[in-house]
Protein backbone atom coordinates (compact mmCIF):
# COMPACT_ATOMS: atom_id res chain seq x y z
CA UNK A 1 119.04 99.01 64.70
CA UNK A 2 118.37 99.11 68.66
CA UNK A 3 120.10 102.85 68.11
CA UNK A 4 117.26 104.47 66.14
CA UNK A 5 113.99 102.99 68.33
CA UNK A 6 114.19 105.83 70.93
CA UNK A 7 110.70 106.89 72.27
CA UNK A 8 109.64 109.86 71.60
CA UNK A 9 109.38 109.75 76.27
CA UNK A 10 113.39 108.70 76.15
CA UNK A 11 114.14 111.87 73.81
CA UNK A 12 112.02 114.66 75.74
CA UNK A 13 113.87 112.70 78.89
CA UNK A 14 117.29 114.06 77.43
CA UNK A 15 116.14 117.18 76.30
CA UNK A 16 114.96 118.31 79.86
CA UNK A 17 118.34 116.88 80.88
CA UNK A 18 120.50 119.26 79.08
CA UNK A 19 118.00 122.05 79.26
CA UNK A 20 117.90 121.27 82.94
CA UNK A 21 113.93 122.01 82.20
CA UNK A 22 110.98 120.32 84.30
CA UNK A 23 109.31 118.17 82.20
CA UNK A 24 105.75 117.25 82.18
CA UNK A 25 104.58 113.64 80.50
CA UNK A 26 100.59 113.32 79.36
CA UNK A 27 99.35 111.60 82.09
CA UNK A 28 100.57 114.69 84.39
CA UNK A 29 103.63 113.74 85.68
CA UNK A 30 106.47 116.02 86.69
CA UNK A 31 109.45 114.91 85.61
CA UNK A 32 112.69 117.61 86.89
CA UNK A 33 115.78 116.02 86.31
CA UNK A 34 118.69 117.89 87.54
CA UNK A 35 122.16 118.11 86.33
CA UNK A 36 123.88 115.75 88.29
CA UNK A 37 121.29 113.45 85.93
CA UNK A 38 118.65 112.08 89.11
CA UNK A 39 115.31 112.54 89.09
CA UNK A 40 112.55 113.66 91.23
CA UNK A 41 109.41 112.93 90.40
CA UNK A 42 105.79 114.59 91.34
CA UNK A 43 102.89 111.71 90.18
CA UNK A 44 99.70 113.78 89.31
CA UNK A 45 100.73 117.67 90.87
CA UNK A 46 101.22 120.39 88.91
CA UNK A 47 103.55 121.61 91.22
CA UNK A 48 107.19 123.11 89.24
CA UNK A 49 110.44 122.29 91.62
CA UNK A 50 113.00 125.08 90.64
CA UNK A 51 117.14 125.55 90.83
CA UNK A 52 119.25 128.33 89.58
CA UNK A 53 120.95 126.13 86.35
CA UNK A 54 124.19 128.22 84.66
CA UNK A 55 123.39 127.77 80.97
């Protein structure tokens, strides 16, 4: 079943979307996923983008 073949990276991205959170992967890249589902990638930096989100 293709639906069960989900990588941990994909799961982390979905969790980050649901939480409106920053996600730093194993390479140190920062993924910020906004409520609109758009992804901003900052490569090799420790800065975090923060936005107020309603939970």
